């Protein structure tokens, strides 16, 4: 990782995280999902190399996104 690894934007009761790489995004998603509930598995999407939605063990909803596919 170089520089600041992610951008965080608060959205109501949830948080969106845009990581610099699909690897960072997957690592963040897996860490936040531990003990929580996966709402949408982390998978490639037409707009992203990896995207997922999870609720952590404290009930906070997280949207995790990685850069667009090249």
C-alpha atoms as a PDB file:
ATOM      1  CA  UNK A   1       0.000   0.000   0.000  1.00  0.00           C
ATOM      2  CA  UNK A   2       1.195   3.466  -0.784  1.00  0.00           C
ATOM      3  CA  UNK A   3      -0.138   6.737   0.547  1.00  0.00           C
ATOM      4  CA  UNK A   4      -3.597   6.719   2.078  1.00  0.00           C
ATOM      5  CA  UNK A   5      -5.034   3.213   1.461  1.00  0.00           C
ATOM      6  CA  UNK A   6      -8.733   4.082   1.426  1.00  0.00           C
ATOM      7  CA  UNK A   7     -11.349   6.772   1.283  1.00  0.00           C
ATOM      8  CA  UNK A   8     -14.182   6.696   3.808  1.00  0.00           C
ATOM      9  CA  UNK A   9     -17.535   8.402   3.404  1.00  0.00           C
ATOM     10  CA  UNK A  10     -20.231   8.180   6.064  1.00  0.00           C
ATOM     11  CA  UNK A  11     -23.734   7.391   4.803  1.00  0.00           C
ATOM     12  CA  UNK A  12     -26.496   7.514   7.429  1.00  0.00           C
ATOM     13  CA  UNK A  13     -25.993   4.479   9.642  1.00  0.00           C
ATOM     14  CA  UNK A  14     -23.516   2.921   7.186  1.00  0.00           C
ATOM     15  CA  UNK A  15     -20.060   3.612   5.885  1.00  0.00           C
ATOM     16  CA  UNK A  16     -18.623   3.332   2.363  1.00  0.00           C
ATOM     17  CA  UNK A  17     -14.961   2.402   1.936  1.00  0.00           C
ATOM     18  CA  UNK A  18     -13.226   2.682  -1.449  1.00  0.00           C
ATOM     19  CA  UNK A  19      -9.907   0.839  -1.282  1.00  0.00           C
ATOM     20  CA  UNK A  20      -6.890   1.376  -3.542  1.00  0.00           C
ATOM     21  CA  UNK A  21      -6.784  -2.277  -4.630  1.00  0.00           C
ATOM     22  CA  UNK A  22      -9.040  -5.315  -4.805  1.00  0.00           C
ATOM     23  CA  UNK A  23      -6.713  -7.066  -2.327  1.00  0.00           C
ATOM     24  CA  UNK A  24      -7.093  -4.276   0.244  1.00  0.00           C
ATOM     25  CA  UNK A  25     -10.855  -4.193  -0.304  1.00  0.00           C
ATOM     26  CA  UNK A  26     -11.168  -7.975   0.204  1.00  0.00           C
ATOM     27  CA  UNK A  27      -9.034  -7.828   3.382  1.00  0.00           C
ATOM     28  CA  UNK A  28     -11.178  -5.001   4.795  1.00  0.00           C
ATOM     29  CA  UNK A  29     -14.409  -6.794   3.857  1.00  0.00           C
ATOM     30  CA  UNK A  30     -13.308 -10.050   5.503  1.00  0.00           C
ATOM     31  CA  UNK A  31     -12.190  -8.271   8.682  1.00  0.00           C
ATOM     32  CA  UNK A  32     -15.456  -6.354   9.012  1.00  0.00           C
ATOM     33  CA  UNK A  33     -17.555  -9.437   8.216  1.00  0.00           C
ATOM     34  CA  UNK A  34     -15.990 -11.512  11.020  1.00  0.00           C
ATOM     35  CA  UNK A  35     -18.718 -12.042  13.598  1.00  0.00           C
ATOM     36  CA  UNK A  36     -21.202 -10.053  11.522  1.00  0.00           C
ATOM     37  CA  UNK A  37     -23.587 -10.684   8.630  1.00  0.00           C
ATOM     38  CA  UNK A  38     -22.648 -10.642   4.953  1.00  0.00           C
ATOM     39  CA  UNK A  39     -25.441  -8.844   3.093  1.00  0.00           C
ATOM     40  CA  UNK A  40     -23.828  -9.123  -0.361  1.00  0.00           C
ATOM     41  CA  UNK A  41     -20.713 -11.271  -0.889  1.00  0.00           C
ATOM     42  CA  UNK A  42     -17.528  -9.551  -2.021  1.00  0.00           C
ATOM     43  CA  UNK A  43     -17.405 -10.319  -5.761  1.00  0.00           C
ATOM     44  CA  UNK A  44     -16.481  -8.680  -9.053  1.00  0.00           C
ATOM     45  CA  UNK A  45     -19.145  -6.363 -10.463  1.00  0.00           C
ATOM     46  CA  UNK A  46     -19.407  -4.578 -13.833  1.00  0.00           C
ATOM     47  CA  UNK A  47     -18.226  -1.325 -12.175  1.00  0.00           C
ATOM     48  CA  UNK A  48     -15.645  -2.799  -9.778  1.00  0.00           C
ATOM     49  CA  UNK A  49     -13.042  -5.544  -9.421  1.00  0.00           C
ATOM     50  CA  UNK A  50     -14.666  -6.303  -6.071  1.00  0.00           C
ATOM     51  CA  UNK A  51     -17.716  -4.994  -4.213  1.00  0.00           C
ATOM     52  CA  UNK A  52     -19.507  -6.225  -1.105  1.00  0.00           C
ATOM     53  CA  UNK A  53     -21.944  -5.209   1.586  1.00  0.00           C
ATOM     54  CA  UNK A  54     -21.684  -6.403   5.186  1.00  0.00           C
ATOM     55  CA  UNK A  55     -22.961  -5.598   8.658  1.00  0.00           C
ATOM     56  CA  UNK A  56     -20.268  -5.811  11.347  1.00  0.00           C
ATOM     57  CA  UNK A  57     -20.745  -7.375  14.777  1.00  0.00           C
ATOM     58  CA  UNK A  58     -21.826  -3.985  16.151  1.00  0.00           C
ATOM     59  CA  UNK A  59     -24.598  -3.539  13.564  1.00  0.00           C
ATOM     60  CA  UNK A  60     -22.826  -0.986  11.362  1.00  0.00           C
ATOM     61  CA  UNK A  61     -23.402  -1.505   7.640  1.00  0.00           C
ATOM     62  CA  UNK A  62     -20.305  -1.306   5.419  1.00  0.00           C
ATOM     63  CA  UNK A  63     -20.127  -0.911   1.635  1.00  0.00           C
ATOM     64  CA  UNK A  64     -16.675  -2.022   0.447  1.00  0.00           C
ATOM     65  CA  UNK A  65     -15.574  -1.131  -3.076  1.00  0.00           C
ATOM     66  CA  UNK A  66     -12.367  -1.540  -5.079  1.00  0.00           C
ATOM     67  CA  UNK A  67     -11.148   0.147  -8.277  1.00  0.00           C
ATOM     68  CA  UNK A  68     -12.922  -0.400 -11.578  1.00  0.00           C
ATOM     69  CA  UNK A  69     -11.737  -3.217 -13.814  1.00  0.00           C
ATOM     70  CA  UNK A  70      -9.290  -2.097 -16.488  1.00  0.00           C
END
